[in-house]
Amino acid sequence: MAFEDFKTKDAVVVVYTGEGKGKTSASVGLLARALGRDWRVAYIQFVKMWETGESKFIDKVRGADVFG
């Protein structure tokens, strides 16, 4: 699925920024809640150049499209 396929009038974009901890945990938690309600989800993560535990988890979750 391409990122463009997520265009809809009911779309919600959530951006977590800043230094410190908690951004990834918050975004993965929101992803889990949305998937639990059968919403379509695109998870986009910038900057990290290494494989992370959360990326491995998201890859295993059915219904999530991961970009980044």
Protein backbone atom coordinates (compact mmCIF):
# COMPACT_ATOMS: atom_id res chain seq x y z
CA MET A 1 0.00 0.00 0.00
CA ALA A 2 1.34 3.43 -0.91
CA PHE A 3 1.25 6.43 1.39
CA GLU A 4 -1.04 8.19 -1.11
CA ASP A 5 -3.70 5.51 -0.50
CA PHE A 6 -4.31 6.97 2.95
CA LYS A 7 -5.77 10.23 1.63
CA THR A 8 -9.24 10.70 3.04
CA LYS A 9 -11.35 13.53 4.39
CA ASP A 10 -11.43 11.84 7.80
CA ALA A 11 -7.66 11.52 8.16
CA VAL A 12 -5.87 12.41 11.38
CA VAL A 13 -2.18 13.26 11.47
CA VAL A 14 -0.36 13.13 14.81
CA VAL A 15 3.22 14.39 15.09
CA TYR A 16 5.41 13.86 18.15
CA THR A 17 8.55 16.03 18.29
CA GLY A 18 11.15 17.22 20.75
CA GLU A 19 14.06 15.97 22.75
CA GLY A 20 13.77 13.41 25.49
CA LYS A 21 11.89 10.19 25.85
CA GLY A 22 8.34 9.07 25.22
CA LYS A 23 7.64 10.00 21.61
CA THR A 24 8.01 6.51 20.18
CA SER A 25 6.14 4.90 23.06
CA ALA A 26 3.26 7.35 22.64
CA SER A 27 3.08 6.84 18.88
CA VAL A 28 3.19 3.03 19.10
CA GLY A 29 0.49 3.15 21.78
CA LEU A 30 -1.70 5.29 19.55
CA LEU A 31 -1.04 2.91 16.65
CA ALA A 32 -2.17 -0.05 18.79
CA ARG A 33 -5.35 1.77 19.86
CA ALA A 34 -6.22 2.69 16.27
CA LEU A 35 -5.60 -0.83 14.98
CA GLY A 36 -7.71 -2.18 17.84
CA ARG A 37 -10.61 -0.19 16.41
CA ASP A 38 -9.89 -1.46 12.87
CA TRP A 39 -8.80 1.96 11.65
CA ARG A 40 -6.41 2.25 8.73
CA VAL A 41 -2.99 3.28 10.01
CA ALA A 42 0.18 4.59 8.41
CA TYR A 43 3.17 4.80 10.75
CA ILE A 44 5.95 7.07 9.54
CA GLN A 45 9.16 7.41 11.50
CA PHE A 46 12.07 9.66 10.59
CA VAL A 47 15.71 9.86 11.72
CA LYS A 48 16.37 6.43 13.21
CA MET A 49 18.84 4.62 10.99
CA TRP A 50 19.00 1.37 12.94
CA GLU A 51 16.54 -1.44 13.52
CA THR A 52 14.59 -0.85 16.70
CA GLY A 53 12.41 -3.04 18.88
CA GLU A 54 9.33 -1.02 18.06
CA SER A 55 9.93 -1.40 14.32
CA LYS A 56 10.19 -5.17 14.77
CA PHE A 57 6.92 -5.12 16.75
CA ILE A 58 5.10 -3.01 14.16
CA ASP A 59 6.28 -5.33 11.38
CA LYS A 60 4.56 -8.20 13.20
CA VAL A 61 1.27 -6.35 13.68
CA ARG A 62 -1.30 -7.15 11.05
CA GLY A 63 -2.91 -4.14 9.41
CA ALA A 64 -0.10 -1.62 9.90
CA ASP A 65 1.71 -0.07 6.97
CA VAL A 66 5.11 1.22 8.02
CA PHE A 67 6.98 3.95 6.15
CA GLY A 68 10.44 5.19 6.98
